[in-house]
Amino acid sequence: MPNAQFLLAYPKFKLAILALLTLNIGIYATLDTMTSAVDALVWVVLLVMFELETLKATRFNQTTLRAVRNGLIVVIALVFGSYIRDNEWLDVLNSLLWFALIVLLELEVRWPSLVAQHRQLFWLITVAVFVGLIGMVVAWLMQSAWLDAYDALLWIVAFGVIEVDIFHFLQLTRS
């Protein structure tokens, strides 16, 4: 169980991660391709939407949220297609791993009884996806793609802390 001091700083930690992810959008727009900047922007917006929905802190109705999410998914699919077209295979593999993580999160939110019935399998698949994402960090480091490695690691931390709630996830491993 985390100590009380850490719990008080938790929302600030989330904001710091979100600020770093937002900064990455500008860095990608300046130092990399516009495709990478758009990719980063869309994923940040999607992350914020998931967080707002989780906290029930949004003023938008479900129809509006679904429409925005669908639009974001279309943009993500277009970016993914551009990675394939441009033979950016590390980006393709990274995207596939993130798609898998999103599917797992959606399953947990939309069909919790199914996840509960197959808790061990769900946990193993989640661990495998995170191991794959950590492998992506290593692959980018091996290619001296420092920005991509940093960004990938930051996203792992972001999803681990903001979406998956790492302390809840670790509790599941003990039960």
C-alpha atoms as a PDB file:
ATOM      1  CA  MET A   1       0.000   0.000   0.000  1.00  0.00           C
ATOM      2  CA  PRO A   2       1.423   3.416  -0.936  1.00  0.00           C
ATOM      3  CA  ASN A   3       2.128   5.890   1.851  1.00  0.00           C
ATOM      4  CA  ALA A   4      -0.197   8.833   2.526  1.00  0.00           C
ATOM      5  CA  GLN A   5       2.303  11.427   1.291  1.00  0.00           C
ATOM      6  CA  PHE A   6       2.460   9.761  -2.130  1.00  0.00           C
ATOM      7  CA  LEU A   7      -1.339   9.584  -2.347  1.00  0.00           C
ATOM      8  CA  LEU A   8      -1.590  13.338  -1.716  1.00  0.00           C
ATOM      9  CA  ALA A   9       0.866  14.005  -4.572  1.00  0.00           C
ATOM     10  CA  TYR A  10      -0.789  11.500  -6.941  1.00  0.00           C
ATOM     11  CA  PRO A  11      -2.992  13.986  -8.836  1.00  0.00           C
ATOM     12  CA  LYS A  12      -0.008  16.357  -9.216  1.00  0.00           C
ATOM     13  CA  PHE A  13       2.009  13.435 -10.567  1.00  0.00           C
ATOM     14  CA  LYS A  14      -0.737  12.794 -13.123  1.00  0.00           C
ATOM     15  CA  LEU A  15      -0.667  16.447 -14.154  1.00  0.00           C
ATOM     16  CA  ALA A  16       3.129  16.369 -14.481  1.00  0.00           C
ATOM     17  CA  ILE A  17       2.940  13.319 -16.751  1.00  0.00           C
ATOM     18  CA  LEU A  18       0.213  14.967 -18.825  1.00  0.00           C
ATOM     19  CA  ALA A  19       2.334  18.141 -19.110  1.00  0.00           C
ATOM     20  CA  LEU A  20       5.327  16.096 -20.315  1.00  0.00           C
ATOM     21  CA  LEU A  21       3.161  14.257 -22.857  1.00  0.00           C
ATOM     22  CA  THR A  22       1.793  17.591 -24.083  1.00  0.00           C
ATOM     23  CA  LEU A  23       5.345  18.949 -24.370  1.00  0.00           C
ATOM     24  CA  ASN A  24       6.204  15.924 -26.519  1.00  0.00           C
ATOM     25  CA  ILE A  25       3.606  17.036 -29.070  1.00  0.00           C
ATOM     26  CA  GLY A  26       5.545  20.258 -29.582  1.00  0.00           C
ATOM     27  CA  ILE A  27       8.879  18.448 -29.618  1.00  0.00           C
ATOM     28  CA  TYR A  28       7.655  16.030 -32.287  1.00  0.00           C
ATOM     29  CA  ALA A  29       6.205  18.908 -34.331  1.00  0.00           C
ATOM     30  CA  THR A  30       9.554  20.704 -34.153  1.00  0.00           C
ATOM     31  CA  LEU A  31      12.090  17.868 -34.403  1.00  0.00           C
ATOM     32  CA  ASP A  32      10.269  15.005 -36.094  1.00  0.00           C
ATOM     33  CA  THR A  33       7.412  14.584 -38.549  1.00  0.00           C
ATOM     34  CA  MET A  34       3.972  16.115 -38.438  1.00  0.00           C
ATOM     35  CA  THR A  35       2.621  12.545 -38.455  1.00  0.00           C
ATOM     36  CA  SER A  36       4.405  11.877 -35.160  1.00  0.00           C
ATOM     37  CA  ALA A  37       3.073  15.144 -33.714  1.00  0.00           C
ATOM     38  CA  VAL A  38      -0.505  14.308 -34.748  1.00  0.00           C
ATOM     39  CA  ASP A  39      -0.078  10.787 -33.357  1.00  0.00           C
ATOM     40  CA  ALA A  40       1.084  12.202 -30.009  1.00  0.00           C
ATOM     41  CA  LEU A  41      -1.746  14.763 -29.938  1.00  0.00           C
ATOM     42  CA  VAL A  42      -4.486  12.230 -30.645  1.00  0.00           C
ATOM     43  CA  TRP A  43      -3.216   9.812 -27.987  1.00  0.00           C
ATOM     44  CA  VAL A  44      -2.993  12.618 -25.387  1.00  0.00           C
ATOM     45  CA  VAL A  45      -6.577  13.669 -26.124  1.00  0.00           C
ATOM     46  CA  LEU A  46      -7.703  10.038 -25.881  1.00  0.00           C
ATOM     47  CA  LEU A  47      -5.887   9.648 -22.554  1.00  0.00           C
ATOM     48  CA  VAL A  48      -7.547  12.793 -21.172  1.00  0.00           C
ATOM     49  CA  MET A  49     -10.943  11.551 -22.345  1.00  0.00           C
ATOM     50  CA  PHE A  50     -10.466   8.205 -20.605  1.00  0.00           C
ATOM     51  CA  GLU A  51      -9.418   9.980 -17.420  1.00  0.00           C
ATOM     52  CA  LEU A  52     -12.374  12.380 -17.502  1.00  0.00           C
ATOM     53  CA  GLU A  53     -14.780   9.506 -18.122  1.00  0.00           C
ATOM     54  CA  THR A  54     -13.242   7.499 -15.301  1.00  0.00           C
ATOM     55  CA  LEU A  55     -13.581  10.426 -12.906  1.00  0.00           C
ATOM     56  CA  LYS A  56     -17.061  11.236 -14.262  1.00  0.00           C
ATOM     57  CA  ALA A  57     -15.726  14.787 -14.635  1.00  0.00           C
ATOM     58  CA  THR A  58     -16.901  15.524 -18.142  1.00  0.00           C
ATOM     59  CA  ARG A  59     -19.863  17.664 -19.137  1.00  0.00           C
ATOM     60  CA  PHE A  60     -20.296  15.840 -22.427  1.00  0.00           C
ATOM     61  CA  ASN A  61     -22.943  13.172 -22.899  1.00  0.00           C
ATOM     62  CA  GLN A  62     -22.099   9.640 -23.968  1.00  0.00           C
ATOM     63  CA  THR A  63     -23.089  10.271 -27.598  1.00  0.00           C
ATOM     64  CA  THR A  64     -20.669  13.210 -27.878  1.00  0.00           C
ATOM     65  CA  LEU A  65     -17.880  11.281 -26.152  1.00  0.00           C
ATOM     66  CA  ARG A  66     -18.410   8.311 -28.463  1.00  0.00           C
ATOM     67  CA  ALA A  67     -18.328  10.561 -31.537  1.00  0.00           C
ATOM     68  CA  VAL A  68     -15.098  12.247 -30.407  1.00  0.00           C
ATOM     69  CA  ARG A  69     -13.529   8.874 -29.552  1.00  0.00           C
ATOM     70  CA  ASN A  70     -14.533   7.482 -32.959  1.00  0.00           C
ATOM     71  CA  GLY A  71     -12.975  10.499 -34.667  1.00  0.00           C
ATOM     72  CA  LEU A  72      -9.767  10.004 -32.707  1.00  0.00           C
ATOM     73  CA  ILE A  73      -9.719   6.326 -33.636  1.00  0.00           C
ATOM     74  CA  VAL A  74     -10.042   7.238 -37.329  1.00  0.00           C
ATOM     75  CA  VAL A  75      -7.045   9.576 -37.027  1.00  0.00           C
ATOM     76  CA  ILE A  76      -5.060   6.878 -35.178  1.00  0.00           C
ATOM     77  CA  ALA A  77      -5.893   4.411 -37.970  1.00  0.00           C
ATOM     78  CA  LEU A  78      -4.745   6.914 -40.612  1.00  0.00           C
ATOM     79  CA  VAL A  79      -1.477   7.513 -38.753  1.00  0.00           C
ATOM     80  CA  PHE A  80      -1.013   3.744 -38.431  1.00  0.00           C
ATOM     81  CA  GLY A  81      -1.550   3.414 -42.186  1.00  0.00           C
ATOM     82  CA  SER A  82       1.091   6.064 -42.821  1.00  0.00           C
ATOM     83  CA  TYR A  83       3.569   4.128 -40.661  1.00  0.00           C
ATOM     84  CA  ILE A  84       2.926   1.037 -42.796  1.00  0.00           C
ATOM     85  CA  ARG A  85       3.195   3.025 -46.039  1.00  0.00           C
ATOM     86  CA  ASP A  86       6.485   4.587 -44.930  1.00  0.00           C
ATOM     87  CA  ASN A  87       7.903   1.233 -43.718  1.00  0.00           C
ATOM     88  CA  GLU A  88       8.301   2.531 -40.161  1.00  0.00           C
ATOM     89  CA  TRP A  89       8.100  -0.943 -38.666  1.00  0.00           C
ATOM     90  CA  LEU A  90       9.021  -0.027 -35.091  1.00  0.00           C
ATOM     91  CA  ASP A  91       6.164   2.488 -35.101  1.00  0.00           C
ATOM     92  CA  VAL A  92       3.852  -0.163 -36.570  1.00  0.00           C
ATOM     93  CA  LEU A  93       4.766  -2.676 -33.869  1.00  0.00           C
ATOM     94  CA  ASN A  94       4.495  -0.024 -31.151  1.00  0.00           C
ATOM     95  CA  SER A  95       1.048   0.963 -32.425  1.00  0.00           C
ATOM     96  CA  LEU A  96      -0.114  -2.655 -32.439  1.00  0.00           C
ATOM     97  CA  LEU A  97       0.952  -3.052 -28.816  1.00  0.00           C
ATOM     98  CA  TRP A  98      -0.908   0.124 -27.833  1.00  0.00           C
ATOM     99  CA  PHE A  99      -3.982  -1.074 -29.735  1.00  0.00           C
ATOM    100  CA  ALA A 100      -3.827  -4.289 -27.713  1.00  0.00           C
ATOM    101  CA  LEU A 101      -3.619  -2.309 -24.471  1.00  0.00           C
ATOM    102  CA  ILE A 102      -6.619  -0.187 -25.447  1.00  0.00           C
ATOM    103  CA  VAL A 103      -8.611  -3.339 -26.251  1.00  0.00           C
ATOM    104  CA  LEU A 104      -7.732  -4.715 -22.810  1.00  0.00           C
ATOM    105  CA  LEU A 105      -8.828  -1.482 -21.131  1.00  0.00           C
ATOM    106  CA  GLU A 106     -12.065  -1.433 -23.112  1.00  0.00           C
ATOM    107  CA  LEU A 107     -12.762  -5.041 -22.131  1.00  0.00           C
ATOM    108  CA  GLU A 108     -12.199  -4.182 -18.490  1.00  0.00           C
ATOM    109  CA  VAL A 109     -14.577  -1.212 -18.663  1.00  0.00           C
ATOM    110  CA  ARG A 110     -17.281  -2.662 -20.938  1.00  0.00           C
ATOM    111  CA  TRP A 111     -17.282  -6.352 -19.912  1.00  0.00           C
ATOM    112  CA  PRO A 112     -15.938  -6.540 -16.355  1.00  0.00           C
ATOM    113  CA  SER A 113     -17.665  -9.888 -15.737  1.00  0.00           C
ATOM    114  CA  LEU A 114     -15.799 -11.443 -18.682  1.00  0.00           C
ATOM    115  CA  VAL A 115     -12.517 -10.076 -17.347  1.00  0.00           C
ATOM    116  CA  ALA A 116     -13.353 -11.364 -13.856  1.00  0.00           C
ATOM    117  CA  GLN A 117     -14.041 -14.848 -15.234  1.00  0.00           C
ATOM    118  CA  HIS A 118     -10.653 -14.896 -16.967  1.00  0.00           C
ATOM    119  CA  ARG A 119      -8.671 -12.764 -14.526  1.00  0.00           C
ATOM    120  CA  GLN A 120      -5.424 -14.741 -14.773  1.00  0.00           C
ATOM    121  CA  LEU A 121      -5.449 -14.759 -18.589  1.00  0.00           C
ATOM    122  CA  PHE A 122      -6.320 -11.060 -18.705  1.00  0.00           C
ATOM    123  CA  TRP A 123      -3.468 -10.312 -16.306  1.00  0.00           C
ATOM    124  CA  LEU A 124      -0.978 -12.414 -18.322  1.00  0.00           C
ATOM    125  CA  ILE A 125      -1.933 -10.708 -21.590  1.00  0.00           C
ATOM    126  CA  THR A 126      -1.618  -7.278 -19.932  1.00  0.00           C
ATOM    127  CA  VAL A 127       1.834  -8.155 -18.613  1.00  0.00           C
ATOM    128  CA  ALA A 128       2.852  -9.451 -22.058  1.00  0.00           C
ATOM    129  CA  VAL A 129       1.736  -6.193 -23.697  1.00  0.00           C
ATOM    130  CA  PHE A 130       3.663  -4.096 -21.162  1.00  0.00           C
ATOM    131  CA  VAL A 131       6.756  -6.290 -21.644  1.00  0.00           C
ATOM    132  CA  GLY A 132       6.398  -5.700 -25.386  1.00  0.00           C
ATOM    133  CA  LEU A 133       6.128  -1.943 -24.816  1.00  0.00           C
ATOM    134  CA  ILE A 134       9.255  -2.007 -22.648  1.00  0.00           C
ATOM    135  CA  GLY A 135      10.912  -3.947 -25.471  1.00  0.00           C
ATOM    136  CA  MET A 136      10.039  -1.054 -27.780  1.00  0.00           C
ATOM    137  CA  VAL A 137      11.913   1.336 -25.474  1.00  0.00           C
ATOM    138  CA  VAL A 138      14.948  -0.947 -25.672  1.00  0.00           C
ATOM    139  CA  ALA A 139      14.657  -1.204 -29.472  1.00  0.00           C
ATOM    140  CA  TRP A 140      14.584   2.582 -29.855  1.00  0.00           C
ATOM    141  CA  LEU A 141      17.512   2.960 -27.471  1.00  0.00           C
ATOM    142  CA  MET A 142      19.464   0.448 -29.547  1.00  0.00           C
ATOM    143  CA  GLN A 143      18.777   2.611 -32.613  1.00  0.00           C
ATOM    144  CA  SER A 144      19.751   5.793 -30.736  1.00  0.00           C
ATOM    145  CA  ALA A 145      16.212   7.107 -31.235  1.00  0.00           C
ATOM    146  CA  TRP A 146      16.313   8.925 -27.902  1.00  0.00           C
ATOM    147  CA  LEU A 147      13.100  10.914 -28.320  1.00  0.00           C
ATOM    148  CA  ASP A 148      11.116   7.827 -29.311  1.00  0.00           C
ATOM    149  CA  ALA A 149      12.572   5.849 -26.391  1.00  0.00           C
ATOM    150  CA  TYR A 150      11.805   8.647 -23.924  1.00  0.00           C
ATOM    151  CA  ASP A 151       8.302   9.105 -25.316  1.00  0.00           C
ATOM    152  CA  ALA A 152       7.597   5.360 -25.174  1.00  0.00           C
ATOM    153  CA  LEU A 153       8.778   5.156 -21.568  1.00  0.00           C
ATOM    154  CA  LEU A 154       6.721   8.197 -20.622  1.00  0.00           C
ATOM    155  CA  TRP A 155       3.605   6.621 -22.166  1.00  0.00           C
ATOM    156  CA  ILE A 156       4.201   3.393 -20.247  1.00  0.00           C
ATOM    157  CA  VAL A 157       4.387   5.400 -17.014  1.00  0.00           C
ATOM    158  CA  ALA A 158       1.321   7.429 -18.021  1.00  0.00           C
ATOM    159  CA  PHE A 159      -0.836   4.388 -18.660  1.00  0.00           C
ATOM    160  CA  GLY A 160       0.563   2.558 -15.661  1.00  0.00           C
ATOM    161  CA  VAL A 161      -0.269   5.420 -13.324  1.00  0.00           C
ATOM    162  CA  ILE A 162      -3.248   7.118 -14.912  1.00  0.00           C
ATOM    163  CA  GLU A 163      -5.212   4.387 -16.637  1.00  0.00           C
ATOM    164  CA  VAL A 164      -4.302   1.038 -15.205  1.00  0.00           C
ATOM    165  CA  ASP A 165      -3.724   2.414 -11.694  1.00  0.00           C
ATOM    166  CA  ILE A 166      -0.625   0.443 -10.964  1.00  0.00           C
ATOM    167  CA  PHE A 167      -1.492  -0.054  -7.286  1.00  0.00           C
ATOM    168  CA  HIS A 168      -4.798  -1.707  -8.200  1.00  0.00           C
ATOM    169  CA  PHE A 169      -2.998  -3.818 -10.811  1.00  0.00           C
ATOM    170  CA  LEU A 170      -0.402  -4.945  -8.253  1.00  0.00           C
ATOM    171  CA  GLN A 171      -3.205  -5.902  -5.852  1.00  0.00           C
ATOM    172  CA  LEU A 172      -4.617  -8.225  -8.536  1.00  0.00           C
ATOM    173  CA  THR A 173      -1.295 -10.024  -8.728  1.00  0.00           C
ATOM    174  CA  ARG A 174      -1.466 -10.846  -5.030  1.00  0.00           C
ATOM    175  CA  SER A 175      -5.015 -12.249  -5.079  1.00  0.00           C
END
